[in-house]
Protein backbone atom coordinates (compact mmCIF):
# COMPACT_ATOMS: atom_id res chain seq x y z
CA MET A 1 44.81 24.61 -42.29
CA ASN A 2 45.89 23.07 -39.34
CA THR A 3 43.07 21.32 -38.87
CA PRO A 4 44.28 17.27 -38.05
CA ASP A 5 43.09 14.67 -40.75
CA PRO A 6 41.95 11.13 -39.82
CA THR A 7 42.88 10.07 -43.88
CA ALA A 8 45.94 12.29 -43.53
CA PRO A 9 49.52 10.40 -44.13
CA ALA A 10 51.46 9.14 -41.74
CA GLY A 11 53.42 11.31 -39.47
CA THR A 12 50.40 14.37 -39.09
CA ALA A 13 49.21 15.65 -35.84
CA ALA A 14 46.74 12.24 -33.99
CA PRO A 15 42.60 13.25 -34.22
CA ALA A 16 40.69 14.96 -31.20
CA ASP A 17 39.09 11.98 -29.45
CA ALA A 18 35.23 13.62 -29.45
CA ALA A 19 35.12 13.21 -25.47
CA ALA A 20 38.00 14.69 -25.09
CA LEU A 21 36.82 17.75 -26.90
CA ALA A 22 33.49 18.10 -24.80
CA ASP A 23 34.50 16.86 -20.65
CA PHE A 24 37.62 20.17 -22.34
CA TRP A 25 35.27 22.59 -23.39
CA ALA A 26 33.22 21.60 -20.45
CA LEU A 27 35.97 22.41 -17.90
CA VAL A 28 37.42 25.54 -20.42
CA ARG A 29 33.02 26.55 -19.43
CA THR A 30 34.35 26.08 -16.04
CA ASP A 31 35.77 29.55 -15.58
CA HIS A 32 34.31 31.23 -19.02
CA PRO A 33 30.46 30.02 -18.67
CA ALA A 34 30.49 32.90 -21.15
CA LEU A 35 31.11 30.79 -23.95
CA PRO A 36 29.18 29.15 -26.45
CA ALA A 37 27.83 25.73 -25.47
CA GLU A 38 28.76 24.47 -28.51
CA PRO A 39 33.53 23.14 -28.87
CA PRO A 40 34.85 26.25 -31.14
CA GLU A 41 37.24 23.58 -34.02
CA ALA A 42 39.79 22.30 -32.59
CA TRP A 43 43.18 21.97 -34.34
CA ALA A 44 46.85 20.95 -34.06
CA PHE A 45 49.72 23.61 -35.10
CA GLY A 46 52.18 22.19 -37.80
CA ALA A 47 52.44 19.41 -39.56
CA THR A 48 53.68 16.55 -37.53
CA PRO A 49 52.84 15.58 -33.98
CA GLU A 50 56.77 16.29 -33.23
CA HIS A 51 56.07 20.12 -34.49
CA ALA A 52 52.46 20.48 -32.76
CA ASP A 53 54.20 19.83 -29.39
CA GLY A 54 56.47 22.07 -30.09
CA LEU A 55 54.55 24.96 -31.20
CA LEU A 56 51.59 24.17 -28.71
CA ALA A 57 55.04 24.94 -25.98
CA LEU A 58 55.67 27.67 -26.96
CA VAL A 59 51.99 28.70 -26.74
CA LEU A 60 51.93 27.16 -23.44
CA ALA A 61 55.12 29.71 -22.56
CA GLY A 62 53.63 32.54 -24.36
CA THR A 63 56.45 33.07 -27.09
CA LYS A 64 53.98 32.28 -29.31
CA VAL A 65 51.72 34.95 -29.93
CA ALA A 66 50.79 34.86 -33.15
CA THR A 67 50.79 32.20 -36.32
CA ALA A 68 50.38 31.99 -39.91
CA SER A 69 48.23 31.02 -42.69
CA SER A 70 48.36 30.77 -46.47
CA VAL A 71 44.74 32.03 -47.65
CA TRP A 72 45.39 29.53 -51.08
CA ASP A 73 44.67 26.86 -48.20
CA TYR A 74 41.58 28.34 -47.46
CA GLU A 75 40.38 28.91 -50.76
CA ASP A 76 40.48 25.10 -51.55
CA GLU A 77 39.17 23.45 -47.92
CA ASP A 78 36.01 25.97 -48.46
CA GLU A 79 36.86 27.83 -45.56
CA PRO A 80 36.73 31.07 -44.03
CA LEU A 81 38.54 32.92 -43.07
CA PRO A 82 39.85 33.30 -39.52
CA ALA A 83 38.24 36.32 -37.98
CA VAL A 84 38.74 38.46 -35.02
CA GLY A 85 37.08 36.81 -31.16
CA ASP A 86 37.71 33.60 -33.58
CA LEU A 87 38.14 30.63 -30.72
CA SER A 88 39.77 27.40 -31.56
CA ILE A 89 40.78 25.10 -28.91
CA ILE A 90 44.78 23.63 -29.94
CA LEU A 91 45.26 20.00 -29.67
CA ASP A 92 48.67 18.71 -29.06
CA GLY A 93 50.31 16.05 -31.12
CA GLU A 94 48.70 12.73 -30.22
CA GLY A 95 45.26 14.60 -30.24
CA ARG A 96 43.93 15.53 -27.07
CA PRO A 97 43.18 19.19 -26.21
CA ARG A 98 45.61 21.76 -24.82
CA ALA A 99 44.25 25.16 -24.78
CA VAL A 100 41.41 27.33 -26.51
CA LEU A 101 42.97 31.01 -27.82
CA GLU A 102 41.05 33.90 -29.18
CA VAL A 103 42.16 35.59 -32.20
CA THR A 104 42.52 39.06 -31.68
CA VAL A 105 44.00 40.65 -34.71
CA ILE A 106 44.41 39.37 -38.18
CA ASP A 107 46.43 40.91 -41.21
CA ILE A 108 46.24 39.30 -44.48
CA VAL A 109 49.97 40.56 -46.57
CA PRO A 110 52.07 38.89 -48.71
CA PHE A 111 54.57 36.72 -47.62
CA ASP A 112 57.83 38.81 -49.14
CA GLN A 113 55.47 41.73 -46.48
CA VAL A 114 55.35 39.41 -43.74
CA THR A 115 57.27 41.90 -40.79
CA ALA A 116 59.64 41.70 -38.61
CA GLU A 117 56.86 42.52 -35.49
CA HIS A 118 54.55 39.24 -37.03
CA ALA A 119 57.99 36.64 -37.22
CA ARG A 120 58.55 37.55 -33.84
CA ASP A 121 55.72 36.89 -32.43
CA GLU A 122 55.59 33.03 -33.60
CA GLY A 123 58.06 32.41 -31.79
CA GLU A 124 60.30 29.69 -33.79
CA ASP A 125 63.50 29.57 -33.61
CA ASP A 126 65.26 32.84 -33.35
CA ARG A 127 62.67 34.56 -33.78
CA THR A 128 63.51 37.05 -37.04
CA LEU A 129 62.49 37.55 -40.22
CA ALA A 130 64.80 35.76 -42.22
CA ALA A 131 64.30 32.19 -40.21
CA TRP A 132 60.54 32.82 -40.06
CA ARG A 133 60.53 32.78 -43.87
CA ARG A 134 63.14 29.64 -44.20
CA ILE A 135 60.53 27.68 -41.60
CA HIS A 136 56.99 28.69 -43.61
CA GLU A 137 58.87 28.55 -47.50
CA LYS A 138 58.89 24.96 -46.54
CA PHE A 139 56.49 24.62 -44.41
CA TRP A 140 53.67 25.50 -47.74
CA THR A 141 56.60 23.91 -50.05
CA GLU A 142 56.08 21.02 -48.46
CA HIS A 143 52.55 20.56 -47.07
CA SER A 144 50.49 23.06 -48.57
CA PRO A 145 48.30 22.26 -52.01
CA ARG A 146 49.69 24.63 -54.05
CA GLY A 147 53.09 25.57 -52.19
CA PHE A 148 54.92 28.31 -52.04
CA ALA A 149 55.06 31.69 -53.77
CA PRO A 150 57.29 35.19 -52.66
CA ASP A 151 53.90 37.07 -53.10
CA MET A 152 51.13 34.17 -51.61
CA PRO A 153 48.83 36.14 -49.04
CA VAL A 154 49.66 35.14 -45.90
CA VAL A 155 47.01 35.35 -42.88
CA CYS A 156 48.57 36.69 -39.97
CA GLU A 157 47.07 35.69 -37.30
CA ARG A 158 47.52 37.14 -32.99
CA PHE A 159 45.40 35.78 -30.70
CA ARG A 160 45.26 35.01 -26.64
CA VAL A 161 45.51 31.89 -24.51
CA LEU A 162 41.90 32.21 -23.33
CA ALA A 163 42.41 29.21 -21.17
CA ALA A 164 44.68 25.85 -20.71
CA PRO A 165 43.40 23.96 -17.61
CA SER A 166 45.58 20.58 -18.98
CA ALA A 167 48.73 22.75 -18.10
CA ASP A 168 46.99 25.27 -15.37
CA ARG A 169 45.58 21.95 -13.23
CA GLY A 170 47.55 18.94 -14.49
């Protein structure tokens, strides 16, 4: 998935610093005290620091309100699929925590059945389904252990920004 891996090849997003995550989560909890004491999983969008920063900018601008992941990647990493209500700390390309997202909708569909609405909500390129397919086929071909298939299962996830204190206060 999108979790940075300190053993990953050069060019991937930097891993988060534990102290920075703890400080960020404490700051978020000052505005949202009902959140759990333990911070959620932290990860960056994309596969490179530049990609992470570009997609994060779309999230912070309100353009990107959805993402997609390969079900195969979750299976290969033996991780649970995301669920409505899940929280995530989103990192920038240098591994700094920048926002907290909350999952609002999950749909699992074959790649070739992802909707134009979902493609638009991902906010990338010209926001068309054709662009979404081109971008994601390339991404999964290059970065997913099982690669790409037109009927591969895709987790289509909608989210909302719960907090972005570095953007709000920084």
